[in-house]
Amino acid sequence: MNLMYILFIIAGIIALVLFYFIFSYLALWLQALVSGAKVGLINIIFMRFRKVPPKLIVESKIMAVKAGIEIPTDDLESHFLAGGNVSRVVQSLIAADKANIDLAFNRAVAIDLAGRNVLEAVQMSVNPKVIETPLVAAMAKDGIQLKAISRVTVRANIDRLVGGAGEETILARVGEGIVTTIGSAITHKEVLENPDSISKTVLKKGLDAGTAYEILSIDIADVDVGKNIGAELETDRAEADKKIAQAKAEEKRAMAFAQEQEMKARVQEMRAKVVEAEAQVPLAMAEAFRSGNMGIMDYYRMQNISADTKMRDQIATPESDSDPKL
């Protein structure tokens, strides 16, 4: 009895599970049938074995049929197995159809598999997006810095979404155009008087080439005057020239000081030679006495002349003007 009871419970559980799955499949099949979407019951059952969610495929199919778009069920399954977002692709196709935008299923699938939000792209084609650039600083030819902020209105280009550059490229190109336009201005006053000249110049460059967007307009939101870069550069240059001149003057002073020390050394050298020569005088006199070429009266006469010369030098030269070093 216990075995029969257990088998009965197991059979009941299996029956409930089968009923649940069969009922869910039947519910999906009836939902597709009454909605006009042609999805076979066997196909719905086999979706489970192909690891495809039947509810997602059936609801996406019904949504497309109700919008008047015919998409084969196998294509929806293939896109899901490829890792795509089935519901978003179907929604984008419906939005494009209502907005009279030419968007084929294969292109929508390619955009989705490329990692872009195809639904957002369609919405951006209908409702353009405004991108604000960061603060861009540039210097006019008169040396005055200007800081500008612009707002770029872009619309998604469905044909270039696959392989096209993104918003970062648009911002970089617009920033480059602003810098070029301000830099080519003769004075900063020209830019302040006509800020729309920046927009016109930048728009002529065709900055949206190769991007996934189409630039509709570029509006300058704000232009502020920054630093006087030219004056700062001149000041820095003058300061650098001043330091160079000081370095050269210091070099000349050092050379003059070295030359002065060299001349002092030569003076001392000459004095040493004079002292050496004077030391030879007594020896010469002694030799003259021994040889009889000089007498005692000659010696006294020479001493008197030397004393008289020293006295005359002391009288002619005041003590304050005399060099103590000498």
Protein backbone atom coordinates (compact mmCIF):
# COMPACT_ATOMS: atom_id res chain seq x y z
CA MET A 1 0.00 0.00 0.00
CA ASN A 2 2.82 2.35 0.85
CA LEU A 3 4.44 1.70 -2.55
CA MET A 4 1.20 2.34 -4.37
CA TYR A 5 0.71 5.53 -2.41
CA ILE A 6 4.18 6.78 -3.29
CA LEU A 7 3.72 5.94 -6.96
CA PHE A 8 0.42 7.73 -6.96
CA ILE A 9 2.03 10.87 -5.50
CA ILE A 10 4.85 10.75 -8.04
CA ALA A 11 2.38 10.31 -10.88
CA GLY A 12 0.37 13.25 -9.59
CA ILE A 13 3.39 15.49 -9.42
CA ILE A 14 4.41 14.53 -12.98
CA ALA A 15 0.91 15.19 -14.17
CA LEU A 16 0.85 18.61 -12.52
CA VAL A 17 4.20 19.52 -14.04
CA LEU A 18 3.10 18.37 -17.49
CA PHE A 19 -0.17 20.22 -17.12
CA TYR A 20 1.66 23.40 -16.11
CA PHE A 21 4.03 23.28 -19.08
CA ILE A 22 1.34 22.24 -21.52
CA PHE A 23 -1.02 24.90 -20.21
CA SER A 24 1.67 27.60 -20.42
CA TYR A 25 2.50 26.55 -23.98
CA LEU A 26 -1.19 26.43 -24.88
CA ALA A 27 -1.69 29.87 -23.31
CA LEU A 28 1.14 31.31 -25.40
CA TRP A 29 -0.14 29.60 -28.52
CA LEU A 30 -3.71 30.88 -27.95
CA GLN A 31 -2.33 34.38 -27.24
CA ALA A 32 -0.42 34.35 -30.52
CA LEU A 33 -3.39 32.88 -32.36
CA VAL A 34 -5.93 35.47 -31.25
CA SER A 35 -3.37 38.25 -31.91
CA GLY A 36 -2.81 37.19 -35.50
CA ALA A 37 0.80 36.12 -34.93
CA LYS A 38 1.53 32.83 -36.60
CA VAL A 39 3.54 30.82 -34.07
CA GLY A 40 2.95 27.07 -34.03
CA LEU A 41 2.43 25.13 -30.82
CA ILE A 42 5.20 22.67 -31.71
CA ASN A 43 7.54 25.57 -32.39
CA ILE A 44 6.73 27.05 -28.98
CA ILE A 45 7.44 23.72 -27.28
CA PHE A 46 10.75 23.27 -29.09
CA MET A 47 11.87 26.77 -28.13
CA ARG A 48 12.39 25.43 -24.63
CA PHE A 49 14.78 22.80 -25.95
CA ARG A 50 16.64 25.43 -27.97
CA LYS A 51 17.07 27.44 -24.75
CA VAL A 52 15.00 30.29 -26.10
CA PRO A 53 12.36 31.89 -23.83
CA PRO A 54 9.01 31.28 -25.61
CA LYS A 55 7.25 34.11 -23.77
CA LEU A 56 9.78 36.69 -24.99
CA ILE A 57 9.62 35.54 -28.60
CA VAL A 58 5.82 35.27 -28.71
CA GLU A 59 5.25 38.65 -27.07
CA SER A 60 7.79 40.31 -29.38
CA LYS A 61 6.12 38.67 -32.37
CA ILE A 62 2.68 39.86 -31.26
CA MET A 63 4.00 43.38 -30.68
CA ALA A 64 5.46 43.50 -34.20
CA VAL A 65 2.32 42.08 -35.84
CA LYS A 66 0.07 44.56 -34.06
CA ALA A 67 2.30 47.37 -35.36
CA GLY A 68 2.01 46.04 -38.90
CA ILE A 69 5.56 44.69 -39.09
CA GLU A 70 6.14 41.12 -40.18
CA ILE A 71 9.22 39.49 -38.65
CA PRO A 72 9.87 35.74 -39.01
CA THR A 73 9.95 33.86 -35.72
CA ASP A 74 13.25 32.20 -36.66
CA ASP A 75 14.88 35.62 -37.06
CA LEU A 76 13.80 36.61 -33.56
CA GLU A 77 15.18 33.35 -32.15
CA SER A 78 18.44 33.78 -34.06
CA HIS A 79 18.91 37.28 -32.70
CA PHE A 80 18.31 36.09 -29.14
CA LEU A 81 20.80 33.24 -29.53
CA ALA A 82 23.33 35.72 -30.92
CA GLY A 83 23.13 37.69 -27.68
CA GLY A 84 20.88 40.49 -28.87
CA ASN A 85 18.01 42.29 -27.18
CA VAL A 86 14.92 41.08 -29.04
CA SER A 87 12.35 43.33 -27.39
CA ARG A 88 14.47 46.45 -27.89
CA VAL A 89 14.97 45.67 -31.58
CA VAL A 90 11.24 45.20 -32.09
CA GLN A 91 10.46 48.40 -30.21
CA SER A 92 12.97 50.31 -32.34
CA LEU A 93 11.41 48.95 -35.53
CA ILE A 94 7.98 50.05 -34.37
CA ALA A 95 9.23 53.51 -33.38
CA ALA A 96 11.03 53.91 -36.73
CA ASP A 97 7.94 52.81 -38.65
CA LYS A 98 5.74 55.32 -36.83
CA ALA A 99 8.28 58.10 -37.45
CA ASN A 100 8.63 57.19 -41.17
CA ILE A 101 12.28 56.29 -40.71
CA ASP A 102 13.65 53.65 -43.05
CA LEU A 103 15.01 50.96 -40.73
CA ALA A 104 15.23 47.34 -41.83
CA PHE A 105 15.29 44.44 -39.40
CA ASN A 106 18.79 43.36 -40.41
CA ARG A 107 20.18 46.85 -39.84
CA ALA A 108 18.49 47.11 -36.46
CA VAL A 109 19.92 43.71 -35.51
CA ALA A 110 23.41 44.81 -36.63
CA ILE A 111 23.19 48.02 -34.61
CA ASP A 112 22.03 46.10 -31.53
CA LEU A 113 24.75 43.46 -31.83
CA ALA A 114 27.34 46.24 -32.29
CA GLY A 115 26.59 47.33 -28.73
CA ARG A 116 24.58 50.45 -29.49
CA ASN A 117 21.12 51.18 -28.18
CA VAL A 118 19.10 51.03 -31.38
CA LEU A 119 15.91 52.24 -29.67
CA GLU A 120 17.71 55.28 -28.28
CA ALA A 121 19.17 55.95 -31.73
CA VAL A 122 15.70 55.97 -33.29
CA GLN A 123 14.40 58.24 -30.54
CA MET A 124 17.37 60.57 -31.10
CA SER A 125 16.56 60.67 -34.80
CA VAL A 126 13.09 61.95 -33.93
CA ASN A 127 14.11 64.09 -30.94
CA PRO A 128 17.64 65.51 -31.41
CA LYS A 129 19.99 65.53 -28.45
CA VAL A 130 21.86 68.53 -27.07
CA ILE A 131 25.48 67.93 -26.03
CA GLU A 132 27.28 70.58 -23.98
CA THR A 133 30.99 70.85 -24.55
CA PRO A 134 33.39 71.39 -21.63
CA LEU A 135 35.02 74.77 -21.13
CA VAL A 136 37.35 75.46 -24.06
CA ALA A 137 40.12 78.05 -23.61
CA ALA A 138 41.92 79.64 -26.56
CA MET A 139 44.01 82.76 -27.21
CA ALA A 140 43.39 85.39 -29.88
CA LYS A 141 46.22 87.02 -31.80
CA ASP A 142 46.26 90.01 -29.42
CA GLY A 143 47.25 87.69 -26.56
CA ILE A 144 43.91 87.76 -24.69
CA GLN A 145 42.52 84.39 -23.60
CA LEU A 146 38.85 83.56 -24.19
CA LYS A 147 36.89 80.74 -22.56
CA ALA A 148 33.87 79.41 -24.45
CA ILE A 149 31.13 76.86 -23.78
CA SER A 150 28.99 75.59 -26.66
CA ARG A 151 25.92 73.41 -27.04
CA VAL A 152 25.88 71.01 -29.97
CA THR A 153 22.52 69.73 -31.24
CA VAL A 154 22.97 66.33 -32.88
CA ARG A 155 20.67 63.80 -34.48
CA ALA A 156 21.47 60.11 -34.80
CA ASN A 157 22.39 58.93 -38.28
CA ILE A 158 20.96 55.41 -38.59
CA ASP A 159 23.06 54.59 -41.64
CA ARG A 160 26.33 55.37 -39.82
CA LEU A 161 25.57 53.90 -36.40
CA VAL A 162 27.60 50.79 -37.19
CA GLY A 163 31.24 51.83 -37.37
CA GLY A 164 30.60 55.54 -36.75
CA ALA A 165 32.38 57.56 -34.07
CA GLY A 166 30.57 58.55 -30.88
CA GLU A 167 29.89 61.71 -28.89
CA GLU A 168 33.49 61.99 -27.69
CA THR A 169 34.67 62.55 -31.26
CA ILE A 170 32.02 65.23 -31.81
CA LEU A 171 33.08 67.06 -28.64
CA ALA A 172 36.77 66.83 -29.54
CA ARG A 173 36.20 68.17 -33.06
CA VAL A 174 33.98 71.02 -31.88
CA GLY A 175 36.56 71.96 -29.24
CA GLU A 176 39.30 71.96 -31.87
CA GLY A 177 37.16 74.15 -34.15
CA ILE A 178 36.54 76.66 -31.35
CA VAL A 179 40.26 76.89 -30.56
CA THR A 180 41.10 77.38 -34.25
CA THR A 181 38.45 80.07 -34.74
CA ILE A 182 39.45 82.08 -31.66
CA GLY A 183 43.13 81.68 -32.46
CA SER A 184 42.65 83.10 -35.97
CA ALA A 185 40.85 86.22 -34.69
CA ILE A 186 42.90 89.43 -34.83
CA THR A 187 41.56 90.66 -31.48
CA HIS A 188 39.43 89.09 -28.79
CA LYS A 189 36.90 91.89 -29.25
CA GLU A 190 35.95 90.49 -32.65
CA VAL A 191 34.91 87.21 -31.03
CA LEU A 192 33.04 88.96 -28.21
CA GLU A 193 31.17 91.15 -30.68
CA ASN A 194 30.24 88.25 -32.98
CA PRO A 195 30.21 84.94 -31.07
CA ASP A 196 28.12 83.40 -33.85
CA SER A 197 31.22 83.57 -36.06
CA ILE A 198 32.54 80.61 -34.08
CA SER A 199 29.42 78.58 -34.86
CA LYS A 200 29.49 79.44 -38.56
CA THR A 201 33.18 78.62 -38.93
CA VAL A 202 32.92 75.34 -37.05
CA LEU A 203 29.82 74.21 -38.96
CA LYS A 204 31.60 74.74 -42.29
CA LYS A 205 34.26 72.20 -41.34
CA GLY A 206 31.86 69.21 -41.59
CA LEU A 207 32.74 67.87 -38.16
CA ASP A 208 30.14 65.09 -38.29
CA ALA A 209 31.94 63.21 -41.08
CA GLY A 210 32.56 59.61 -40.10
CA THR A 211 30.47 59.85 -36.94
CA ALA A 212 27.18 58.24 -35.96
CA TYR A 213 25.53 61.65 -35.66
CA GLU A 214 24.49 64.59 -37.78
CA ILE A 215 25.24 68.03 -36.36
CA LEU A 216 22.21 70.28 -36.67
CA SER A 217 23.54 73.38 -34.93
CA ILE A 218 26.35 74.67 -32.73
CA ASP A 219 25.36 77.42 -30.33
CA ILE A 220 27.83 79.38 -28.19
CA ALA A 221 26.36 79.40 -24.70
CA ASP A 222 28.97 81.56 -22.97
CA VAL A 223 32.20 83.43 -23.78
CA ASP A 224 34.35 84.85 -20.96
CA VAL A 225 37.60 86.81 -21.05
CA GLY A 226 40.45 84.98 -19.37
CA LYS A 227 44.05 85.94 -18.73
CA ASN A 228 46.25 88.25 -20.77
CA ILE A 229 48.50 85.45 -21.97
CA GLY A 230 50.50 87.76 -24.24
CA ALA A 231 51.40 90.08 -21.37
CA GLU A 232 52.31 87.14 -19.16
CA LEU A 233 54.56 85.74 -21.89
CA GLU A 234 56.25 89.13 -22.32
CA THR A 235 56.70 89.40 -18.55
CA ASP A 236 58.20 85.95 -18.36
CA ARG A 237 60.48 86.74 -21.29
CA ALA A 238 61.61 90.00 -19.65
CA GLU A 239 62.26 88.17 -16.39
CA ALA A 240 64.28 85.55 -18.25
CA ASP A 241 66.29 88.27 -20.05
CA LYS A 242 66.89 89.94 -16.69
CA LYS A 243 68.23 86.75 -15.18
CA ILE A 244 70.45 86.19 -18.22
CA ALA A 245 71.82 89.74 -17.94
CA GLN A 246 72.43 89.28 -14.21
CA ALA A 247 74.24 86.03 -14.89
CA LYS A 248 76.44 87.68 -17.51
CA ALA A 249 77.16 90.63 -15.19
CA GLU A 250 78.06 88.26 -12.40
CA GLU A 251 80.34 86.41 -14.79
CA LYS A 252 82.10 89.67 -15.77
CA ARG A 253 82.43 90.70 -12.10
CA ALA A 254 83.99 87.35 -11.28
CA MET A 255 86.40 87.69 -14.19
CA ALA A 256 87.34 91.24 -13.12
CA PHE A 257 87.90 90.09 -9.55
CA ALA A 258 90.06 87.24 -10.78
CA GLN A 259 92.04 89.63 -12.97
CA GLU A 260 92.49 92.01 -10.02
CA GLN A 261 93.82 89.19 -7.87
CA GLU A 262 96.15 88.19 -10.69
CA MET A 263 97.48 91.74 -10.97
CA LYS A 264 98.04 91.91 -7.20
CA ALA A 265 99.95 88.68 -7.40
CA ARG A 266 102.11 90.12 -10.19
CA VAL A 267 102.74 93.28 -8.11
CA GLN A 268 103.92 91.15 -5.23
CA GLU A 269 106.09 89.21 -7.62
CA MET A 270 107.64 92.45 -8.94
CA ARG A 271 108.26 93.69 -5.38
CA ALA A 272 109.98 90.45 -4.54
CA LYS A 273 112.26 90.96 -7.52
CA VAL A 274 112.97 94.55 -6.39
CA VAL A 275 113.84 93.34 -2.90
CA GLU A 276 116.04 90.70 -4.43
CA ALA A 277 117.77 93.30 -6.59
CA GLU A 278 118.22 95.64 -3.61
CA ALA A 279 119.80 92.78 -1.69
CA GLN A 280 122.52 92.69 -4.35
CA VAL A 281 123.54 96.36 -3.74
CA PRO A 282 125.45 95.79 -0.45
CA LEU A 283 127.22 92.86 -2.02
CA ALA A 284 128.22 94.96 -5.02
CA MET A 285 129.42 97.76 -2.73
CA ALA A 286 131.50 95.34 -0.70
CA GLU A 287 133.01 94.00 -3.86
CA ALA A 288 133.76 97.59 -4.97
CA PHE A 289 135.51 98.31 -1.64
CA ARG A 290 137.64 95.19 -1.98
CA SER A 291 138.59 95.95 -5.54
CA GLY A 292 139.40 99.60 -4.79
CA ASN A 293 136.77 100.98 -7.16
CA MET A 294 134.91 102.76 -4.33
CA GLY A 295 136.15 104.80 -1.37
CA ILE A 296 134.71 105.63 1.98
CA MET A 297 133.79 109.15 0.90
CA ASP A 298 131.88 107.78 -2.03
CA TYR A 299 129.90 105.61 0.34
CA TYR A 300 129.04 108.54 2.66
CA ARG A 301 128.08 110.69 -0.30
CA MET A 302 125.73 107.97 -1.54
CA GLN A 303 124.16 107.62 1.93
CA ASN A 304 123.57 111.36 2.12
CA ILE A 305 121.93 111.38 -1.31
CA SER A 306 119.67 108.44 -0.28
CA ALA A 307 118.66 110.15 2.99
CA ASP A 308 117.97 113.43 1.16
CA THR A 309 115.81 111.61 -1.40
CA LYS A 310 113.72 109.90 1.32
CA MET A 311 113.21 113.21 3.09
CA ARG A 312 112.07 114.90 -0.10
CA ASP A 313 109.62 111.99 -0.77
CA GLN A 314 108.13 112.31 2.72
CA ILE A 315 107.67 116.04 2.33
CA ALA A 316 106.10 115.72 -1.14
CA THR A 317 103.73 112.89 -0.19
CA PRO A 318 101.19 113.51 2.64
CA GLU A 319 100.78 110.71 5.13
CA SER A 320 97.01 110.35 4.42
CA ASP A 321 97.65 109.83 0.69
CA SER A 322 100.36 107.31 1.20
CA ASP A 323 99.43 103.70 0.68
CA PRO A 324 100.05 101.83 3.97
CA LYS A 325 100.42 98.64 1.98
CA LEU A 326 103.40 100.10 0.16
